[in-house]
Amino acid sequence: MFMKRNRLVYVFFIIIVMGLGLASRKWGYMLPEVISKYSGDTLWAIMVFLIMGFIFKDKPIWMTAAFAIAFSGSIEISQLYHGEFIDSIRGTRLGGLVLGYGFLWSDIVCYIIGIMIGACFEYLIYKTKNNR
């Protein structure tokens, strides 16, 4: 199914998801432990899906999800490498948020779940919009 995404809408949702992700890190202690532990990575993956939708606005949902999984997986695998240069980037706030610090299988699971949430949400909106 080919999409014709509105980039302005995607920017809006990217900002919302970024805010939720940062809030989950700052106020995670107020959330149930499982949500506090995994919401940041899941929201990060939703944001990556939205960014891929913004970049590839005419691609089908499955392809956008595949790009997001490939990107997220690459970032996670890069966390196995700890060279001085890349770790200095990870030492910054932005670098740490984007690149992460250490490889975790649970992050891969969160990424897949987050991207699936994004893809399902987009599919439901697309179906609702086209059934009018």
N, C-alpha and C. Protein backbone atom coordinates (compact mmCIF):
# COMPACT_ATOMS: atom_id res chain seq x y z
N MET A 1 0.84 -1.16 0.00
CA MET A 1 0.00 0.00 0.00
C MET A 1 0.90 1.24 0.00
N PHE A 2 0.75 2.07 -1.00
CA PHE A 2 1.58 3.27 -1.11
C PHE A 2 0.93 4.41 -0.36
N MET A 3 1.77 5.18 0.28
CA MET A 3 1.30 6.28 1.12
C MET A 3 1.61 7.61 0.43
N LYS A 4 0.89 8.61 0.80
CA LYS A 4 1.19 9.99 0.44
C LYS A 4 1.14 10.75 1.76
N ARG A 5 2.27 10.74 2.45
CA ARG A 5 2.33 11.29 3.80
C ARG A 5 2.44 12.81 3.77
N ASN A 6 1.78 13.44 4.73
CA ASN A 6 1.87 14.88 4.92
C ASN A 6 3.04 15.15 5.87
N ARG A 7 4.09 15.75 5.37
CA ARG A 7 5.30 15.94 6.17
C ARG A 7 5.06 16.84 7.38
N LEU A 8 4.19 17.80 7.26
CA LEU A 8 3.90 18.68 8.39
C LEU A 8 3.29 17.89 9.55
N VAL A 9 2.40 16.96 9.23
CA VAL A 9 1.80 16.10 10.25
C VAL A 9 2.87 15.24 10.91
N TYR A 10 3.80 14.73 10.10
CA TYR A 10 4.87 13.89 10.64
C TYR A 10 5.79 14.68 11.56
N VAL A 11 6.10 15.92 11.20
CA VAL A 11 6.92 16.77 12.08
C VAL A 11 6.21 16.96 13.41
N PHE A 12 4.91 17.21 13.38
CA PHE A 12 4.12 17.37 14.60
C PHE A 12 4.22 16.13 15.48
N PHE A 13 4.00 14.95 14.89
CA PHE A 13 4.05 13.71 15.68
C PHE A 13 5.47 13.38 16.14
N ILE A 14 6.47 13.70 15.34
CA ILE A 14 7.86 13.48 15.76
C ILE A 14 8.15 14.30 17.01
N ILE A 15 7.72 15.56 17.02
CA ILE A 15 7.94 16.42 18.18
C ILE A 15 7.21 15.88 19.41
N ILE A 16 5.97 15.44 19.22
CA ILE A 16 5.20 14.87 20.34
C ILE A 16 5.90 13.64 20.91
N VAL A 17 6.33 12.73 20.03
CA VAL A 17 6.98 11.49 20.49
C VAL A 17 8.32 11.81 21.15
N MET A 18 9.06 12.78 20.61
CA MET A 18 10.32 13.18 21.25
C MET A 18 10.06 13.70 22.66
N GLY A 19 9.03 14.51 22.80
CA GLY A 19 8.68 15.04 24.12
C GLY A 19 8.30 13.93 25.09
N LEU A 20 7.52 12.98 24.62
CA LEU A 20 7.14 11.84 25.47
C LEU A 20 8.36 11.01 25.86
N GLY A 21 9.27 10.81 24.91
CA GLY A 21 10.48 10.04 25.20
C GLY A 21 11.36 10.73 26.23
N LEU A 22 11.56 12.03 26.07
CA LEU A 22 12.36 12.78 27.04
C LEU A 22 11.68 12.79 28.41
N ALA A 23 10.35 12.93 28.40
CA ALA A 23 9.60 12.90 29.67
C ALA A 23 9.72 11.54 30.34
N SER A 24 9.74 10.47 29.55
CA SER A 24 9.86 9.13 30.14
C SER A 24 11.21 8.94 30.81
N ARG A 25 12.22 9.64 30.33
CA ARG A 25 13.55 9.57 30.95
C ARG A 25 13.62 10.44 32.21
N LYS A 26 13.02 11.63 32.11
CA LYS A 26 13.10 12.56 33.24
C LYS A 26 12.21 12.15 34.41
N TRP A 27 10.99 11.72 34.10
CA TRP A 27 10.03 11.39 35.15
C TRP A 27 9.70 9.90 35.19
N GLY A 28 10.61 9.08 34.72
CA GLY A 28 10.39 7.64 34.70
C GLY A 28 10.15 7.04 36.07
N TYR A 29 10.72 7.66 37.09
CA TYR A 29 10.55 7.15 38.46
C TYR A 29 9.09 7.20 38.90
N MET A 30 8.27 8.00 38.22
CA MET A 30 6.86 8.11 38.57
C MET A 30 6.00 7.06 37.87
N LEU A 31 6.60 6.33 36.95
CA LEU A 31 5.87 5.34 36.15
C LEU A 31 6.09 3.95 36.72
N PRO A 32 5.21 3.01 36.38
CA PRO A 32 5.48 1.61 36.75
C PRO A 32 6.83 1.19 36.16
N GLU A 33 7.53 0.30 36.85
CA GLU A 33 8.90 -0.06 36.48
C GLU A 33 9.03 -0.54 35.04
N VAL A 34 8.13 -1.39 34.59
CA VAL A 34 8.24 -1.93 33.23
C VAL A 34 8.08 -0.82 32.19
N ILE A 35 7.19 0.12 32.44
CA ILE A 35 7.01 1.24 31.52
C ILE A 35 8.22 2.17 31.57
N SER A 36 8.69 2.44 32.76
CA SER A 36 9.87 3.29 32.92
C SER A 36 11.08 2.70 32.21
N LYS A 37 11.23 1.40 32.31
CA LYS A 37 12.41 0.73 31.77
C LYS A 37 12.41 0.67 30.24
N TYR A 38 11.24 0.46 29.63
CA TYR A 38 11.19 0.19 28.19
C TYR A 38 10.53 1.28 27.35
N SER A 39 9.87 2.25 27.96
CA SER A 39 9.14 3.24 27.16
C SER A 39 10.06 4.13 26.33
N GLY A 40 11.21 4.50 26.86
CA GLY A 40 12.12 5.37 26.12
C GLY A 40 12.57 4.74 24.81
N ASP A 41 12.99 3.49 24.86
CA ASP A 41 13.45 2.80 23.65
C ASP A 41 12.30 2.56 22.67
N THR A 42 11.13 2.26 23.20
CA THR A 42 9.97 2.04 22.34
C THR A 42 9.56 3.34 21.65
N LEU A 43 9.55 4.43 22.40
CA LEU A 43 9.22 5.74 21.81
C LEU A 43 10.29 6.18 20.82
N TRP A 44 11.55 5.87 21.11
CA TRP A 44 12.64 6.19 20.18
C TRP A 44 12.39 5.50 18.84
N ALA A 45 11.96 4.24 18.89
CA ALA A 45 11.69 3.49 17.66
C ALA A 45 10.48 4.06 16.91
N ILE A 46 9.46 4.47 17.64
CA ILE A 46 8.31 5.12 16.99
C ILE A 46 8.78 6.39 16.29
N MET A 47 9.64 7.16 16.95
CA MET A 47 10.17 8.38 16.35
C MET A 47 10.97 8.05 15.08
N VAL A 48 11.79 7.01 15.12
CA VAL A 48 12.55 6.60 13.94
C VAL A 48 11.60 6.23 12.80
N PHE A 49 10.53 5.50 13.11
CA PHE A 49 9.54 5.16 12.09
C PHE A 49 8.94 6.43 11.48
N LEU A 50 8.59 7.38 12.33
CA LEU A 50 8.02 8.64 11.84
C LEU A 50 9.02 9.41 10.98
N ILE A 51 10.27 9.42 11.40
CA ILE A 51 11.31 10.10 10.61
C ILE A 51 11.45 9.43 9.24
N MET A 52 11.43 8.11 9.22
CA MET A 52 11.52 7.39 7.94
C MET A 52 10.29 7.70 7.08
N GLY A 53 9.13 7.82 7.70
CA GLY A 53 7.92 8.21 6.96
C GLY A 53 8.03 9.61 6.41
N PHE A 54 8.67 10.49 7.16
CA PHE A 54 8.90 11.87 6.70
C PHE A 54 9.85 11.87 5.50
N ILE A 55 10.93 11.11 5.60
CA ILE A 55 11.94 11.08 4.53
C ILE A 55 11.40 10.38 3.29
N PHE A 56 10.79 9.23 3.49
CA PHE A 56 10.30 8.41 2.38
C PHE A 56 8.78 8.52 2.30
N LYS A 57 8.30 9.71 1.99
CA LYS A 57 6.87 9.99 2.11
C LYS A 57 5.98 9.22 1.15
N ASP A 58 6.52 8.68 0.07
CA ASP A 58 5.70 7.96 -0.90
C ASP A 58 5.87 6.44 -0.84
N LYS A 59 6.66 5.95 0.10
CA LYS A 59 6.92 4.51 0.20
C LYS A 59 5.81 3.82 0.99
N PRO A 60 5.60 2.53 0.73
CA PRO A 60 4.58 1.80 1.49
C PRO A 60 4.98 1.63 2.96
N ILE A 61 3.99 1.36 3.77
CA ILE A 61 4.22 1.24 5.21
C ILE A 61 5.26 0.17 5.52
N TRP A 62 5.17 -0.99 4.88
CA TRP A 62 6.11 -2.08 5.18
C TRP A 62 7.54 -1.66 4.87
N MET A 63 7.74 -0.88 3.81
CA MET A 63 9.09 -0.46 3.46
C MET A 63 9.61 0.58 4.46
N THR A 64 8.74 1.48 4.86
CA THR A 64 9.11 2.46 5.88
C THR A 64 9.49 1.76 7.17
N ALA A 65 8.72 0.75 7.55
CA ALA A 65 9.03 -0.03 8.76
C ALA A 65 10.35 -0.77 8.60
N ALA A 66 10.60 -1.32 7.42
CA ALA A 66 11.87 -2.04 7.18
C ALA A 66 13.06 -1.09 7.29
N PHE A 67 12.93 0.12 6.74
CA PHE A 67 14.00 1.11 6.86
C PHE A 67 14.23 1.46 8.33
N ALA A 68 13.14 1.63 9.08
CA ALA A 68 13.26 1.98 10.50
C ALA A 68 13.92 0.85 11.29
N ILE A 69 13.56 -0.39 11.01
CA ILE A 69 14.18 -1.53 11.70
C ILE A 69 15.65 -1.62 11.35
N ALA A 70 15.99 -1.43 10.08
CA ALA A 70 17.40 -1.49 9.66
C ALA A 70 18.21 -0.39 10.35
N PHE A 71 17.67 0.81 10.40
CA PHE A 71 18.37 1.93 11.04
C PHE A 71 18.54 1.67 12.53
N SER A 72 17.44 1.31 13.19
CA SER A 72 17.48 1.07 14.64
C SER A 72 18.42 -0.08 14.99
N GLY A 73 18.34 -1.15 14.21
CA GLY A 73 19.23 -2.29 14.44
C GLY A 73 20.69 -1.92 14.24
N SER A 74 20.96 -1.10 13.24
CA SER A 74 22.34 -0.65 13.00
C SER A 74 22.87 0.18 14.17
N ILE A 75 22.04 1.05 14.68
CA ILE A 75 22.45 1.86 15.84
C ILE A 75 22.73 0.95 17.03
N GLU A 76 21.85 -0.02 17.26
CA GLU A 76 22.05 -0.92 18.41
C GLU A 76 23.31 -1.76 18.24
N ILE A 77 23.53 -2.29 17.05
CA ILE A 77 24.73 -3.09 16.80
C ILE A 77 25.99 -2.24 16.94
N SER A 78 25.90 -0.96 16.57
CA SER A 78 27.07 -0.07 16.71
C SER A 78 27.48 0.09 18.17
N GLN A 79 26.58 -0.22 19.08
CA GLN A 79 26.89 -0.09 20.51
C GLN A 79 27.83 -1.19 20.99
N LEU A 80 28.09 -2.17 20.15
CA LEU A 80 29.08 -3.20 20.48
C LEU A 80 30.50 -2.66 20.32
N TYR A 81 30.66 -1.58 19.57
CA TYR A 81 31.96 -0.98 19.32
C TYR A 81 32.16 0.19 20.29
N HIS A 82 33.31 0.22 20.94
CA HIS A 82 33.59 1.28 21.91
C HIS A 82 34.94 1.92 21.66
N GLY A 83 35.08 2.51 20.48
CA GLY A 83 36.28 3.27 20.19
C GLY A 83 36.24 4.62 20.88
N GLU A 84 37.40 5.23 21.02
CA GLU A 84 37.49 6.51 21.74
C GLU A 84 36.62 7.59 21.09
N PHE A 85 36.67 7.67 19.76
CA PHE A 85 35.91 8.71 19.05
C PHE A 85 34.41 8.55 19.25
N ILE A 86 33.89 7.35 19.01
CA ILE A 86 32.45 7.14 19.10
C ILE A 86 31.97 7.26 20.55
N ASP A 87 32.79 6.84 21.50
CA ASP A 87 32.41 6.98 22.90
C ASP A 87 32.43 8.44 23.34
N SER A 88 33.28 9.26 22.72
CA SER A 88 33.26 10.70 23.05
C SER A 88 31.96 11.33 22.55
N ILE A 89 31.45 10.84 21.42
CA ILE A 89 30.15 11.32 20.93
C ILE A 89 29.04 10.84 21.85
N ARG A 90 29.12 9.57 22.25
CA ARG A 90 28.11 9.03 23.18
C ARG A 90 28.14 9.75 24.52
N GLY A 91 29.26 10.35 24.86
CA GLY A 91 29.39 11.06 26.13
C GLY A 91 28.61 12.37 26.18
N THR A 92 28.17 12.85 25.01
CA THR A 92 27.34 14.06 24.99
C THR A 92 25.88 13.64 25.18
N ARG A 93 25.07 14.57 25.62
CA ARG A 93 23.65 14.26 25.85
C ARG A 93 22.97 13.80 24.55
N LEU A 94 23.14 14.58 23.48
CA LEU A 94 22.51 14.23 22.21
C LEU A 94 23.09 12.93 21.65
N GLY A 95 24.39 12.77 21.72
CA GLY A 95 25.03 11.55 21.22
C GLY A 95 24.55 10.32 21.97
N GLY A 96 24.40 10.46 23.28
CA GLY A 96 23.90 9.34 24.09
C GLY A 96 22.46 8.99 23.77
N LEU A 97 21.63 10.02 23.53
CA LEU A 97 20.23 9.77 23.19
C LEU A 97 20.08 9.11 21.82
N VAL A 98 20.92 9.52 20.87
CA VAL A 98 20.81 8.97 19.51
C VAL A 98 21.52 7.63 19.38
N LEU A 99 22.74 7.54 19.88
CA LEU A 99 23.57 6.35 19.67
C LEU A 99 23.47 5.32 20.78
N GLY A 100 23.01 5.72 21.95
CA GLY A 100 22.95 4.78 23.07
C GLY A 100 24.33 4.47 23.61
N TYR A 101 24.40 3.54 24.56
CA TYR A 101 25.66 3.27 25.25
C TYR A 101 26.12 1.83 25.13
N GLY A 102 25.21 0.89 25.27
CA GLY A 102 25.60 -0.51 25.26
C GLY A 102 24.53 -1.37 24.62
N PHE A 103 24.95 -2.43 23.96
CA PHE A 103 24.03 -3.33 23.27
C PHE A 103 23.17 -4.10 24.27
N LEU A 104 21.86 -4.12 24.00
CA LEU A 104 20.92 -4.91 24.80
C LEU A 104 19.90 -5.55 23.86
N TRP A 105 19.68 -6.85 24.04
CA TRP A 105 18.65 -7.52 23.24
C TRP A 105 17.28 -6.93 23.51
N SER A 106 17.04 -6.49 24.74
CA SER A 106 15.74 -5.91 25.07
C SER A 106 15.48 -4.64 24.26
N ASP A 107 16.54 -3.92 23.90
CA ASP A 107 16.36 -2.73 23.06
C ASP A 107 15.86 -3.12 21.67
N ILE A 108 16.40 -4.22 21.13
CA ILE A 108 15.95 -4.70 19.82
C ILE A 108 14.46 -5.03 19.87
N VAL A 109 14.03 -5.68 20.95
CA VAL A 109 12.61 -6.01 21.11
C VAL A 109 11.78 -4.73 21.18
N CYS A 110 12.25 -3.75 21.96
CA CYS A 110 11.53 -2.47 22.06
C CYS A 110 11.44 -1.79 20.70
N TYR A 111 12.52 -1.84 19.92
CA TYR A 111 12.52 -1.21 18.60
C TYR A 111 11.49 -1.87 17.69
N ILE A 112 11.45 -3.18 17.70
CA ILE A 112 10.49 -3.89 16.85
C ILE A 112 9.06 -3.56 17.28
N ILE A 113 8.81 -3.56 18.58
CA ILE A 113 7.47 -3.23 19.09
C ILE A 113 7.11 -1.79 18.74
N GLY A 114 8.03 -0.86 18.97
CA GLY A 114 7.76 0.55 18.66
C GLY A 114 7.48 0.78 17.19
N ILE A 115 8.26 0.16 16.33
CA ILE A 115 8.05 0.32 14.89
C ILE A 115 6.73 -0.32 14.48
N MET A 116 6.38 -1.45 15.08
CA MET A 116 5.09 -2.08 14.79
C MET A 116 3.94 -1.18 15.24
N ILE A 117 4.09 -0.53 16.39
CA ILE A 117 3.06 0.41 16.85
C ILE A 117 2.90 1.54 15.85
N GLY A 118 4.03 2.11 15.42
CA GLY A 118 3.98 3.20 14.44
C GLY A 118 3.34 2.76 13.14
N ALA A 119 3.71 1.57 12.65
CA ALA A 119 3.17 1.07 11.38
C ALA A 119 1.67 0.78 11.51
N CYS A 120 1.26 0.17 12.61
CA CYS A 120 -0.17 -0.12 12.82
C CYS A 120 -0.99 1.16 12.93
N PHE A 121 -0.46 2.14 13.65
CA PHE A 121 -1.13 3.43 13.81
C PHE A 121 -1.30 4.09 12.44
N GLU A 122 -0.22 4.08 11.65
CA GLU A 122 -0.29 4.68 10.31
C GLU A 122 -1.29 3.93 9.43
N TYR A 123 -1.29 2.62 9.51
CA TYR A 123 -2.22 1.81 8.72
C TYR A 123 -3.67 2.12 9.09
N LEU A 124 -3.94 2.21 10.39
CA LEU A 124 -5.31 2.51 10.84
C LEU A 124 -5.75 3.89 10.38
N ILE A 125 -4.86 4.86 10.45
CA ILE A 125 -5.20 6.20 9.97
C ILE A 125 -5.46 6.17 8.46
N TYR A 126 -4.61 5.47 7.73
CA TYR A 126 -4.77 5.36 6.28
C TYR A 126 -6.11 4.71 5.93
N LYS A 127 -6.44 3.61 6.61
CA LYS A 127 -7.70 2.91 6.33
C LYS A 127 -8.91 3.78 6.69
N THR A 128 -8.84 4.47 7.82
CA THR A 128 -9.93 5.35 8.23
C THR A 128 -10.11 6.48 7.23
N LYS A 129 -9.01 7.05 6.81
CA LYS A 129 -9.05 8.17 5.86
C LYS A 129 -9.62 7.73 4.51
N ASN A 130 -9.29 6.53 4.07
CA ASN A 130 -9.75 6.05 2.76
C ASN A 130 -11.14 5.43 2.79
N ASN A 131 -11.71 5.21 3.98
CA ASN A 131 -13.06 4.65 4.07
C ASN A 131 -14.12 5.73 4.16
N ARG A 132 -13.73 6.96 4.08
CA ARG A 132 -14.71 8.06 4.16
C ARG A 132 -15.41 8.25 2.85
